[in-house]
Amino acid sequence: MTMLLNQKIIKIRGESLKDNFLGDPVERDVLVFYPDKIVENSPLLIELAGLNGTPKLNNRFSQILNSLSRKNLLGNSIIINPNFSTKYHVNQYLNSPAVGNYEDFIINDLIPQVSEIYNTGNIGLFGKSSGGFGAYSLAVRNPHIIKGFADHFGDSCFEYVYIPDIPIAFKELKNKSINKYVDELSKKETLIDNEIKTLNILGMSAFYSYNYNSEMNFDLPFDRETGAFKKEVWEKWLKFDPSKNAASNTGRLKKLKAIYLDVGIKDEYSLYVGMNVLHKIMEKNNINHIFEQFNGGHFGNSKRYEKSLPYLVNNLTE
């Protein structure tokens, strides 16, 4: 009889986050789901959150995992839900002097410490939205460590995802100090739609177009005074766009044991375009992967993990 997964919150110290520009915490809570019997070399699956969120016991995510566990679809895998929160409310899981070294934190701090505690084997990443982008990006940059990923409607084809929010950010930030704006929003319990979209543009700028000589260590893709689009800054963003860099990463993608992609056909950020582009690149280059489109939008899709997690477990279990 399959039992419910055990849950525990542990703390991981991230030396890679020490002295980060935003002053975000160096020590992070990590919610760990594990079976009664720890089996050596079982997969370690890491969720990368789409937006800020504090790991909580017995949340919606845990209900999905326990449902899969009761059906014996998770094997002996260890699954973790770390706190990756930043002051911008988003994380792209890259190194940035304007935010912090989150790629280094995951690769050099989080994975070694958790792997040592639970004697884990192959590593897989999964996430939605920014988390999906992070899962793809970290896997192609570190295929010697990350052996598989599930990218649920992750940021891709940036021109459709971000550009619609740029005029909103321009109006929100008009005649305001970015530093004060971010500080004020970080103290609010709830944010309105325009504030979320503005923080999103600020956060993406901090990860994609950092610049030591700017007020907040990054350049915005628009002129603060006129709102005019800055093509030279945008070109920096595009280097991180999966739909633009996947073709040059086919060799790395072929090294992976598991790739899962999906997207809703009603996605509010038009991510059905970017995910289809990513799928077609992989298909053209004979990269083994799963691609699914479902009848839904961008939000409320945690149940998609019921598809991707068993796939990752099956392909990453030795």
C-alpha atoms as a PDB file:
ATOM      1  CA  MET A   1       0.000   0.000   0.000  1.00  0.00           C
ATOM      2  CA  THR A   2       1.423   3.391  -1.063  1.00  0.00           C
ATOM      3  CA  MET A   3       1.548   5.900   1.763  1.00  0.00           C
ATOM      4  CA  LEU A   4       1.300   9.681   1.613  1.00  0.00           C
ATOM      5  CA  LEU A   5       4.585  11.432   1.078  1.00  0.00           C
ATOM      6  CA  ASN A   6       6.385  12.841   4.089  1.00  0.00           C
ATOM      7  CA  GLN A   7       6.814  16.620   4.134  1.00  0.00           C
ATOM      8  CA  LYS A   8       9.511  18.640   5.795  1.00  0.00           C
ATOM      9  CA  ILE A   9      10.849  22.186   5.499  1.00  0.00           C
ATOM     10  CA  ILE A  10      14.631  22.388   5.625  1.00  0.00           C
ATOM     11  CA  LYS A  11      16.886  25.418   5.341  1.00  0.00           C
ATOM     12  CA  ILE A  12      19.583  25.764   2.694  1.00  0.00           C
ATOM     13  CA  ARG A  13      22.258  28.423   2.952  1.00  0.00           C
ATOM     14  CA  GLY A  14      23.185  29.926  -0.390  1.00  0.00           C
ATOM     15  CA  GLU A  15      26.727  31.246  -0.372  1.00  0.00           C
ATOM     16  CA  SER A  16      26.078  32.216  -4.007  1.00  0.00           C
ATOM     17  CA  LEU A  17      23.409  34.702  -2.834  1.00  0.00           C
ATOM     18  CA  LYS A  18      25.694  36.401  -0.331  1.00  0.00           C
ATOM     19  CA  ASP A  19      25.690  40.216  -0.692  1.00  0.00           C
ATOM     20  CA  ASN A  20      23.074  40.102  -3.489  1.00  0.00           C
ATOM     21  CA  PHE A  21      22.114  43.531  -4.819  1.00  0.00           C
ATOM     22  CA  LEU A  22      18.490  43.428  -3.589  1.00  0.00           C
ATOM     23  CA  GLY A  23      19.370  42.264  -0.095  1.00  0.00           C
ATOM     24  CA  ASP A  24      17.154  39.195  -0.480  1.00  0.00           C
ATOM     25  CA  PRO A  25      17.683  36.363   2.047  1.00  0.00           C
ATOM     26  CA  VAL A  26      20.742  34.147   1.734  1.00  0.00           C
ATOM     27  CA  GLU A  27      19.152  31.291   3.687  1.00  0.00           C
ATOM     28  CA  ARG A  28      16.125  29.749   1.970  1.00  0.00           C
ATOM     29  CA  ASP A  29      13.316  27.453   3.073  1.00  0.00           C
ATOM     30  CA  VAL A  30      12.972  24.293   0.996  1.00  0.00           C
ATOM     31  CA  LEU A  31       9.862  22.132   1.241  1.00  0.00           C
ATOM     32  CA  VAL A  32      10.883  18.497   0.757  1.00  0.00           C
ATOM     33  CA  PHE A  33       8.536  15.654  -0.206  1.00  0.00           C
ATOM     34  CA  TYR A  34      10.009  12.201   0.378  1.00  0.00           C
ATOM     35  CA  PRO A  35       8.836   8.574   0.756  1.00  0.00           C
ATOM     36  CA  ASP A  36       9.114   6.552   3.968  1.00  0.00           C
ATOM     37  CA  LYS A  37      12.028   4.625   2.553  1.00  0.00           C
ATOM     38  CA  ILE A  38      14.848   6.678   1.032  1.00  0.00           C
ATOM     39  CA  VAL A  39      16.347   4.721  -1.867  1.00  0.00           C
ATOM     40  CA  GLU A  40      19.851   5.752  -2.916  1.00  0.00           C
ATOM     41  CA  ASN A  41      20.213   7.333  -6.383  1.00  0.00           C
ATOM     42  CA  SER A  42      16.508   8.104  -6.768  1.00  0.00           C
ATOM     43  CA  PRO A  43      15.694  11.189  -8.877  1.00  0.00           C
ATOM     44  CA  LEU A  44      15.700  14.660  -7.324  1.00  0.00           C
ATOM     45  CA  LEU A  45      13.003  16.850  -8.906  1.00  0.00           C
ATOM     46  CA  ILE A  46      13.096  20.600  -8.234  1.00  0.00           C
ATOM     47  CA  GLU A  47      10.150  22.932  -8.780  1.00  0.00           C
ATOM     48  CA  LEU A  48      11.007  26.414 -10.034  1.00  0.00           C
ATOM     49  CA  ALA A  49       8.149  28.758  -9.124  1.00  0.00           C
ATOM     50  CA  GLY A  50       6.582  31.077 -11.696  1.00  0.00           C
ATOM     51  CA  LEU A  51       6.020  33.896  -9.182  1.00  0.00           C
ATOM     52  CA  ASN A  52       7.052  34.578  -5.603  1.00  0.00           C
ATOM     53  CA  GLY A  53       5.653  32.035  -3.209  1.00  0.00           C
ATOM     54  CA  THR A  54       6.519  30.737   0.230  1.00  0.00           C
ATOM     55  CA  PRO A  55       6.651  26.928   0.490  1.00  0.00           C
ATOM     56  CA  LYS A  56       3.774  25.750   2.701  1.00  0.00           C
ATOM     57  CA  LEU A  57       2.948  22.346   4.119  1.00  0.00           C
ATOM     58  CA  ASN A  58      -0.213  20.669   2.819  1.00  0.00           C
ATOM     59  CA  ASN A  59      -0.715  23.093  -0.071  1.00  0.00           C
ATOM     60  CA  ARG A  60      -2.292  22.444  -3.499  1.00  0.00           C
ATOM     61  CA  PHE A  61       1.046  21.175  -4.799  1.00  0.00           C
ATOM     62  CA  SER A  62       1.242  18.594  -2.018  1.00  0.00           C
ATOM     63  CA  GLN A  63      -2.267  17.348  -2.892  1.00  0.00           C
ATOM     64  CA  ILE A  64      -1.154  16.704  -6.475  1.00  0.00           C
ATOM     65  CA  LEU A  65       1.989  14.900  -5.338  1.00  0.00           C
ATOM     66  CA  ASN A  66       0.093  12.719  -2.875  1.00  0.00           C
ATOM     67  CA  SER A  67      -2.444  11.833  -5.563  1.00  0.00           C
ATOM     68  CA  LEU A  68       0.423  10.720  -7.837  1.00  0.00           C
ATOM     69  CA  SER A  69       2.098   8.882  -4.976  1.00  0.00           C
ATOM     70  CA  ARG A  70      -1.071   6.917  -4.181  1.00  0.00           C
ATOM     71  CA  LYS A  71      -1.031   5.729  -7.808  1.00  0.00           C
ATOM     72  CA  ASN A  72       2.641   4.796  -7.419  1.00  0.00           C
ATOM     73  CA  LEU A  73       3.653   7.248 -10.169  1.00  0.00           C
ATOM     74  CA  LEU A  74       6.497   9.002  -8.328  1.00  0.00           C
ATOM     75  CA  GLY A  75       8.641   5.974  -7.507  1.00  0.00           C
ATOM     76  CA  ASN A  76      11.161   6.812  -4.782  1.00  0.00           C
ATOM     77  CA  SER A  77      11.882  10.308  -6.055  1.00  0.00           C
ATOM     78  CA  ILE A  78      12.624  13.276  -3.806  1.00  0.00           C
ATOM     79  CA  ILE A  79      10.690  16.393  -4.829  1.00  0.00           C
ATOM     80  CA  ILE A  80      11.501  19.847  -3.509  1.00  0.00           C
ATOM     81  CA  ASN A  81       9.755  23.220  -3.595  1.00  0.00           C
ATOM     82  CA  PRO A  82      12.338  25.899  -2.658  1.00  0.00           C
ATOM     83  CA  ASN A  83      11.667  29.549  -1.871  1.00  0.00           C
ATOM     84  CA  PHE A  84      13.204  31.511  -4.767  1.00  0.00           C
ATOM     85  CA  SER A  85      11.467  34.821  -3.947  1.00  0.00           C
ATOM     86  CA  THR A  86      13.002  38.133  -4.998  1.00  0.00           C
ATOM     87  CA  LYS A  87      11.988  41.720  -4.394  1.00  0.00           C
ATOM     88  CA  TYR A  88      10.787  41.863  -8.026  1.00  0.00           C
ATOM     89  CA  HIS A  89       8.291  39.039  -7.370  1.00  0.00           C
ATOM     90  CA  VAL A  90       9.817  37.058 -10.269  1.00  0.00           C
ATOM     91  CA  ASN A  91      12.877  34.905 -10.789  1.00  0.00           C
ATOM     92  CA  GLN A  92      14.373  33.821 -14.127  1.00  0.00           C
ATOM     93  CA  TYR A  93      16.920  31.543 -12.397  1.00  0.00           C
ATOM     94  CA  LEU A  94      19.956  33.155 -14.007  1.00  0.00           C
ATOM     95  CA  ASN A  95      22.963  34.935 -12.525  1.00  0.00           C
ATOM     96  CA  SER A  96      22.545  38.712 -12.436  1.00  0.00           C
ATOM     97  CA  PRO A  97      24.432  41.404 -10.523  1.00  0.00           C
ATOM     98  CA  ALA A  98      21.140  43.329 -10.420  1.00  0.00           C
ATOM     99  CA  VAL A  99      19.318  40.529  -8.559  1.00  0.00           C
ATOM    100  CA  GLY A 100      21.553  37.691  -7.383  1.00  0.00           C
ATOM    101  CA  ASN A 101      23.346  34.594  -8.637  1.00  0.00           C
ATOM    102  CA  TYR A 102      20.388  32.208  -8.773  1.00  0.00           C
ATOM    103  CA  GLU A 103      21.893  29.836 -11.311  1.00  0.00           C
ATOM    104  CA  ASP A 104      24.903  29.409  -9.039  1.00  0.00           C
ATOM    105  CA  PHE A 105      22.626  29.038  -6.028  1.00  0.00           C
ATOM    106  CA  ILE A 106      20.753  26.151  -7.659  1.00  0.00           C
ATOM    107  CA  ILE A 107      23.773  24.424  -9.217  1.00  0.00           C
ATOM    108  CA  ASN A 108      26.402  25.021  -6.513  1.00  0.00           C
ATOM    109  CA  ASP A 109      24.407  25.320  -3.276  1.00  0.00           C
ATOM    110  CA  LEU A 110      20.915  23.822  -3.462  1.00  0.00           C
ATOM    111  CA  ILE A 111      21.553  20.665  -5.509  1.00  0.00           C
ATOM    112  CA  PRO A 112      24.754  19.543  -3.696  1.00  0.00           C
ATOM    113  CA  GLN A 113      23.282  20.114  -0.227  1.00  0.00           C
ATOM    114  CA  VAL A 114      19.944  18.377  -0.902  1.00  0.00           C
ATOM    115  CA  SER A 115      21.633  15.578  -2.865  1.00  0.00           C
ATOM    116  CA  GLU A 116      23.946  14.892   0.057  1.00  0.00           C
ATOM    117  CA  ILE A 117      21.083  14.768   2.575  1.00  0.00           C
ATOM    118  CA  TYR A 118      18.943  12.372   0.517  1.00  0.00           C
ATOM    119  CA  ASN A 119      21.604  10.516  -1.558  1.00  0.00           C
ATOM    120  CA  THR A 120      19.820  11.370  -4.789  1.00  0.00           C
ATOM    121  CA  GLY A 121      20.673  10.485  -8.393  1.00  0.00           C
ATOM    122  CA  ASN A 122      19.590  12.211 -11.611  1.00  0.00           C
ATOM    123  CA  ILE A 123      18.366  15.801 -11.321  1.00  0.00           C
ATOM    124  CA  GLY A 124      15.240  17.131 -13.033  1.00  0.00           C
ATOM    125  CA  LEU A 125      13.729  20.619 -13.056  1.00  0.00           C
ATOM    126  CA  PHE A 126      10.104  21.563 -13.638  1.00  0.00           C
ATOM    127  CA  GLY A 127       8.038  24.713 -13.527  1.00  0.00           C
ATOM    128  CA  LYS A 128       5.378  26.904 -15.082  1.00  0.00           C
ATOM    129  CA  SER A 129       5.826  30.295 -16.783  1.00  0.00           C
ATOM    130  CA  SER A 130       9.114  31.794 -15.501  1.00  0.00           C
ATOM    131  CA  GLY A 131       9.736  28.457 -13.798  1.00  0.00           C
ATOM    132  CA  GLY A 132       9.414  26.678 -17.134  1.00  0.00           C
ATOM    133  CA  PHE A 133      11.828  29.157 -18.698  1.00  0.00           C
ATOM    134  CA  GLY A 134      14.249  28.534 -15.845  1.00  0.00           C
ATOM    135  CA  ALA A 135      13.946  24.753 -16.205  1.00  0.00           C
ATOM    136  CA  TYR A 136      14.823  24.931 -19.910  1.00  0.00           C
ATOM    137  CA  SER A 137      17.581  27.526 -19.477  1.00  0.00           C
ATOM    138  CA  LEU A 138      19.355  25.790 -16.594  1.00  0.00           C
ATOM    139  CA  ALA A 139      19.173  22.423 -18.351  1.00  0.00           C
ATOM    140  CA  VAL A 140      20.774  23.656 -21.588  1.00  0.00           C
ATOM    141  CA  ARG A 141      23.417  25.582 -19.655  1.00  0.00           C
ATOM    142  CA  ASN A 142      24.209  22.685 -17.289  1.00  0.00           C
ATOM    143  CA  PRO A 143      23.478  19.361 -19.041  1.00  0.00           C
ATOM    144  CA  HIS A 144      26.282  17.721 -17.044  1.00  0.00           C
ATOM    145  CA  ILE A 145      24.187  18.263 -13.882  1.00  0.00           C
ATOM    146  CA  ILE A 146      20.553  18.656 -15.000  1.00  0.00           C
ATOM    147  CA  LYS A 147      19.385  15.507 -16.793  1.00  0.00           C
ATOM    148  CA  GLY A 148      15.807  16.447 -17.643  1.00  0.00           C
ATOM    149  CA  PHE A 149      13.209  19.194 -17.429  1.00  0.00           C
ATOM    150  CA  ALA A 150       9.520  19.976 -17.794  1.00  0.00           C
ATOM    151  CA  ASP A 151       8.780  23.390 -19.284  1.00  0.00           C
ATOM    152  CA  HIS A 152       5.119  24.254 -18.771  1.00  0.00           C
ATOM    153  CA  PHE A 153       4.334  27.288 -20.952  1.00  0.00           C
ATOM    154  CA  GLY A 154       7.656  28.956 -20.147  1.00  0.00           C
ATOM    155  CA  ASP A 155       8.656  32.362 -21.496  1.00  0.00           C
ATOM    156  CA  SER A 156       9.523  32.054 -25.193  1.00  0.00           C
ATOM    157  CA  CYS A 157       9.072  34.305 -28.248  1.00  0.00           C
ATOM    158  CA  PHE A 158       9.699  37.282 -25.996  1.00  0.00           C
ATOM    159  CA  GLU A 159       8.206  39.747 -28.488  1.00  0.00           C
ATOM    160  CA  TYR A 160       4.714  38.360 -27.792  1.00  0.00           C
ATOM    161  CA  VAL A 161       5.215  37.923 -24.046  1.00  0.00           C
ATOM    162  CA  TYR A 162       6.827  41.135 -22.798  1.00  0.00           C
ATOM    163  CA  ILE A 163       6.357  43.959 -25.314  1.00  0.00           C
ATOM    164  CA  PRO A 164       2.608  44.421 -24.539  1.00  0.00           C
ATOM    165  CA  ASP A 165       3.549  45.265 -20.914  1.00  0.00           C
ATOM    166  CA  ILE A 166       6.222  47.846 -21.771  1.00  0.00           C
ATOM    167  CA  PRO A 167       3.809  50.819 -22.286  1.00  0.00           C
ATOM    168  CA  ILE A 168       2.168  49.940 -18.967  1.00  0.00           C
ATOM    169  CA  ALA A 169       5.532  49.974 -17.181  1.00  0.00           C
ATOM    170  CA  PHE A 170       6.417  53.288 -18.856  1.00  0.00           C
ATOM    171  CA  LYS A 171       3.247  54.937 -17.494  1.00  0.00           C
ATOM    172  CA  GLU A 172       3.588  53.357 -14.029  1.00  0.00           C
ATOM    173  CA  LEU A 173       7.188  54.530 -13.610  1.00  0.00           C
ATOM    174  CA  LYS A 174       6.731  58.039 -15.023  1.00  0.00           C
ATOM    175  CA  ASN A 175       8.474  60.571 -12.737  1.00  0.00           C
ATOM    176  CA  LYS A 176       9.107  57.886 -10.100  1.00  0.00           C
ATOM    177  CA  SER A 177      12.257  56.501  -8.544  1.00  0.00           C
ATOM    178  CA  ILE A 178      12.502  52.820  -9.488  1.00  0.00           C
ATOM    179  CA  ASN A 179      14.143  52.038  -6.168  1.00  0.00           C
ATOM    180  CA  LYS A 180      11.323  53.656  -4.157  1.00  0.00           C
ATOM    181  CA  TYR A 181       8.666  52.087  -6.391  1.00  0.00           C
ATOM    182  CA  VAL A 182      10.045  48.585  -5.828  1.00  0.00           C
ATOM    183  CA  ASP A 183      10.467  49.165  -2.081  1.00  0.00           C
ATOM    184  CA  GLU A 184       6.869  50.386  -1.745  1.00  0.00           C
ATOM    185  CA  LEU A 185       5.461  47.410  -3.653  1.00  0.00           C
ATOM    186  CA  SER A 186       7.552  44.949  -1.647  1.00  0.00           C
ATOM    187  CA  LYS A 187       5.660  46.078   1.475  1.00  0.00           C
ATOM    188  CA  LYS A 188       2.191  45.594  -0.038  1.00  0.00           C
ATOM    189  CA  GLU A 189       0.284  42.381   0.620  1.00  0.00           C
ATOM    190  CA  THR A 190      -1.621  42.487  -2.680  1.00  0.00           C
ATOM    191  CA  LEU A 191      -0.693  44.055  -6.000  1.00  0.00           C
ATOM    192  CA  ILE A 192      -2.937  45.326  -8.782  1.00  0.00           C
ATOM    193  CA  ASP A 193      -2.496  44.129 -12.368  1.00  0.00           C
ATOM    194  CA  ASN A 194      -0.458  47.130 -13.603  1.00  0.00           C
ATOM    195  CA  GLU A 195       1.917  46.844 -10.654  1.00  0.00           C
ATOM    196  CA  ILE A 196       2.488  43.151 -11.370  1.00  0.00           C
ATOM    197  CA  LYS A 197       3.168  43.890 -15.046  1.00  0.00           C
ATOM    198  CA  THR A 198       5.560  46.702 -14.162  1.00  0.00           C
ATOM    199  CA  LEU A 199       7.464  44.567 -11.666  1.00  0.00           C
ATOM    200  CA  ASN A 200       7.647  41.906 -14.361  1.00  0.00           C
ATOM    201  CA  ILE A 201       9.337  44.298 -16.809  1.00  0.00           C
ATOM    202  CA  LEU A 202      11.688  45.514 -14.068  1.00  0.00           C
ATOM    203  CA  GLY A 203      12.535  41.951 -13.084  1.00  0.00           C
ATOM    204  CA  MET A 204      13.172  40.856 -16.664  1.00  0.00           C
ATOM    205  CA  SER A 205      15.372  43.904 -17.201  1.00  0.00           C
ATOM    206  CA  ALA A 206      17.339  43.002 -14.093  1.00  0.00           C
ATOM    207  CA  PHE A 207      17.975  39.466 -15.404  1.00  0.00           C
ATOM    208  CA  TYR A 208      18.353  40.113 -19.139  1.00  0.00           C
ATOM    209  CA  SER A 209      19.940  43.572 -19.457  1.00  0.00           C
ATOM    210  CA  TYR A 210      21.948  44.240 -16.298  1.00  0.00           C
ATOM    211  CA  ASN A 211      24.294  47.210 -16.383  1.00  0.00           C
ATOM    212  CA  TYR A 212      26.578  48.225 -13.499  1.00  0.00           C
ATOM    213  CA  ASN A 213      26.381  51.893 -14.548  1.00  0.00           C
ATOM    214  CA  SER A 214      22.590  52.228 -14.231  1.00  0.00           C
ATOM    215  CA  GLU A 215      20.499  53.344 -11.241  1.00  0.00           C
ATOM    216  CA  MET A 216      19.285  49.824 -10.430  1.00  0.00           C
ATOM    217  CA  ASN A 217      22.135  47.919 -12.139  1.00  0.00           C
ATOM    218  CA  PHE A 218      20.058  47.314 -15.282  1.00  0.00           C
ATOM    219  CA  ASP A 219      18.799  49.000 -18.462  1.00  0.00           C
ATOM    220  CA  LEU A 220      15.119  49.185 -19.362  1.00  0.00           C
ATOM    221  CA  PRO A 221      14.037  48.356 -22.939  1.00  0.00           C
ATOM    222  CA  PHE A 222      12.370  51.761 -23.244  1.00  0.00           C
ATOM    223  CA  ASP A 223      13.274  55.424 -22.715  1.00  0.00           C
ATOM    224  CA  ARG A 224      12.126  56.655 -19.294  1.00  0.00           C
ATOM    225  CA  GLU A 225      11.204  60.097 -20.661  1.00  0.00           C
ATOM    226  CA  THR A 226       9.445  59.257 -23.942  1.00  0.00           C
ATOM    227  CA  GLY A 227       8.692  55.540 -23.784  1.00  0.00           C
ATOM    228  CA  ALA A 228      10.584  54.981 -27.043  1.00  0.00           C
ATOM    229  CA  PHE A 229      11.612  51.358 -27.595  1.00  0.00           C
ATOM    230  CA  LYS A 230      15.332  50.669 -27.110  1.00  0.00           C
ATOM    231  CA  LYS A 231      16.320  48.097 -29.689  1.00  0.00           C
ATOM    232  CA  GLU A 232      19.893  47.785 -28.393  1.00  0.00           C
ATOM    233  CA  VAL A 233      18.603  46.737 -24.953  1.00  0.00           C
ATOM    234  CA  TRP A 234      15.998  44.420 -26.449  1.00  0.00           C
ATOM    235  CA  GLU A 235      18.746  42.621 -28.372  1.00  0.00           C
ATOM    236  CA  LYS A 236      20.287  41.674 -25.007  1.00  0.00           C
ATOM    237  CA  TRP A 237      16.960  40.158 -23.922  1.00  0.00           C
ATOM    238  CA  LEU A 238      16.658  38.048 -27.061  1.00  0.00           C
ATOM    239  CA  LYS A 239      19.862  36.171 -26.300  1.00  0.00           C
ATOM    240  CA  PHE A 240      17.943  34.462 -23.480  1.00  0.00           C
ATOM    241  CA  ASP A 241      14.831  33.671 -25.572  1.00  0.00           C
ATOM    242  CA  PRO A 242      14.461  29.861 -25.913  1.00  0.00           C
ATOM    243  CA  SER A 243      12.841  30.264 -29.331  1.00  0.00           C
ATOM    244  CA  LYS A 244      15.992  32.097 -30.469  1.00  0.00           C
ATOM    245  CA  ASN A 245      18.695  30.014 -28.756  1.00  0.00           C
ATOM    246  CA  ALA A 246      17.348  26.447 -28.914  1.00  0.00           C
ATOM    247  CA  ALA A 247      18.764  25.853 -32.415  1.00  0.00           C
ATOM    248  CA  SER A 248      22.278  26.565 -31.142  1.00  0.00           C
ATOM    249  CA  ASN A 249      21.763  24.293 -28.131  1.00  0.00           C
ATOM    250  CA  THR A 250      20.635  21.122 -29.915  1.00  0.00           C
ATOM    251  CA  GLY A 251      23.786  19.235 -28.910  1.00  0.00           C
ATOM    252  CA  ARG A 252      23.133  19.975 -25.247  1.00  0.00           C
ATOM    253  CA  LEU A 253      19.438  19.143 -25.509  1.00  0.00           C
ATOM    254  CA  LYS A 254      20.276  15.759 -27.009  1.00  0.00           C
ATOM    255  CA  LYS A 255      22.288  14.906 -23.887  1.00  0.00           C
ATOM    256  CA  LEU A 256      19.165  15.083 -21.707  1.00  0.00           C
ATOM    257  CA  LYS A 257      17.187  12.026 -20.654  1.00  0.00           C
ATOM    258  CA  ALA A 258      13.777  13.750 -20.468  1.00  0.00           C
ATOM    259  CA  ILE A 259      12.187  16.843 -22.032  1.00  0.00           C
ATOM    260  CA  TYR A 260       8.526  17.685 -21.509  1.00  0.00           C
ATOM    261  CA  LEU A 261       6.807  20.750 -23.044  1.00  0.00           C
ATOM    262  CA  ASP A 262       3.203  21.886 -22.882  1.00  0.00           C
ATOM    263  CA  VAL A 263       1.053  24.994 -23.309  1.00  0.00           C
ATOM    264  CA  GLY A 264      -2.598  26.054 -23.218  1.00  0.00           C
ATOM    265  CA  ILE A 265      -4.173  27.009 -26.549  1.00  0.00           C
ATOM    266  CA  LYS A 266      -5.788  29.999 -24.768  1.00  0.00           C
ATOM    267  CA  ASP A 267      -2.628  31.227 -23.033  1.00  0.00           C
ATOM    268  CA  GLU A 268      -3.080  34.927 -22.198  1.00  0.00           C
ATOM    269  CA  TYR A 269       0.587  35.681 -22.977  1.00  0.00           C
ATOM    270  CA  SER A 270       0.490  33.978 -26.394  1.00  0.00           C
ATOM    271  CA  LEU A 271       2.954  31.369 -25.192  1.00  0.00           C
ATOM    272  CA  TYR A 272       1.363  28.851 -27.560  1.00  0.00           C
ATOM    273  CA  VAL A 273       3.529  30.563 -30.197  1.00  0.00           C
ATOM    274  CA  GLY A 274       6.845  30.270 -28.358  1.00  0.00           C
ATOM    275  CA  MET A 275       6.230  26.716 -27.161  1.00  0.00           C
ATOM    276  CA  ASN A 276       5.282  25.602 -30.667  1.00  0.00           C
ATOM    277  CA  VAL A 277       8.470  27.168 -32.024  1.00  0.00           C
ATOM    278  CA  LEU A 278      10.501  25.329 -29.381  1.00  0.00           C
ATOM    279  CA  HIS A 279       8.737  22.058 -30.215  1.00  0.00           C
ATOM    280  CA  LYS A 280       9.348  22.458 -33.957  1.00  0.00           C
ATOM    281  CA  ILE A 281      13.061  23.158 -33.414  1.00  0.00           C
ATOM    282  CA  MET A 282      13.384  19.996 -31.338  1.00  0.00           C
ATOM    283  CA  GLU A 283      11.348  17.972 -33.819  1.00  0.00           C
ATOM    284  CA  LYS A 284      13.455  19.184 -36.754  1.00  0.00           C
ATOM    285  CA  ASN A 285      16.664  18.255 -34.939  1.00  0.00           C
ATOM    286  CA  ASN A 286      15.442  14.810 -33.822  1.00  0.00           C
ATOM    287  CA  ILE A 287      15.515  15.701 -30.131  1.00  0.00           C
ATOM    288  CA  ASN A 288      13.425  13.236 -28.164  1.00  0.00           C
ATOM    289  CA  HIS A 289      10.699  15.096 -26.244  1.00  0.00           C
ATOM    290  CA  ILE A 290       7.022  15.210 -25.329  1.00  0.00           C
ATOM    291  CA  PHE A 291       4.887  18.157 -26.490  1.00  0.00           C
ATOM    292  CA  GLU A 292       1.253  18.639 -25.544  1.00  0.00           C
ATOM    293  CA  GLN A 293      -1.268  21.432 -26.060  1.00  0.00           C
ATOM    294  CA  PHE A 294      -4.282  21.584 -23.762  1.00  0.00           C
ATOM    295  CA  ASN A 295      -7.557  23.457 -23.692  1.00  0.00           C
ATOM    296  CA  GLY A 296      -6.726  26.164 -21.144  1.00  0.00           C
ATOM    297  CA  GLY A 297      -4.982  29.415 -20.391  1.00  0.00           C
ATOM    298  CA  HIS A 298      -1.942  30.479 -18.376  1.00  0.00           C
ATOM    299  CA  PHE A 299      -3.321  30.196 -14.853  1.00  0.00           C
ATOM    300  CA  GLY A 300      -4.636  27.483 -12.548  1.00  0.00           C
ATOM    301  CA  ASN A 301      -2.822  24.662 -14.306  1.00  0.00           C
ATOM    302  CA  SER A 302      -0.972  22.891 -11.507  1.00  0.00           C
ATOM    303  CA  LYS A 303      -2.679  19.653 -12.551  1.00  0.00           C
ATOM    304  CA  ARG A 304      -0.398  19.601 -15.607  1.00  0.00           C
ATOM    305  CA  TYR A 305       2.223  18.259 -13.201  1.00  0.00           C
ATOM    306  CA  GLU A 306       0.185  15.055 -13.165  1.00  0.00           C
ATOM    307  CA  LYS A 307       1.445  14.547 -16.727  1.00  0.00           C
ATOM    308  CA  SER A 308       5.023  15.781 -16.475  1.00  0.00           C
ATOM    309  CA  LEU A 309       6.215  14.430 -13.129  1.00  0.00           C
ATOM    310  CA  PRO A 310       5.584  10.729 -13.833  1.00  0.00           C
ATOM    311  CA  TYR A 311       7.339  11.242 -17.183  1.00  0.00           C
ATOM    312  CA  LEU A 312      10.375  12.767 -15.477  1.00  0.00           C
ATOM    313  CA  VAL A 313      10.426  10.044 -12.812  1.00  0.00           C
ATOM    314  CA  ASN A 314      10.248   7.258 -15.407  1.00  0.00           C
ATOM    315  CA  ASN A 315      13.055   8.691 -17.500  1.00  0.00           C
ATOM    316  CA  LEU A 316      15.365   9.759 -14.670  1.00  0.00           C
ATOM    317  CA  THR A 317      15.154   6.632 -12.529  1.00  0.00           C
ATOM    318  CA  GLU A 318      18.240   4.457 -12.970  1.00  0.00           C
END
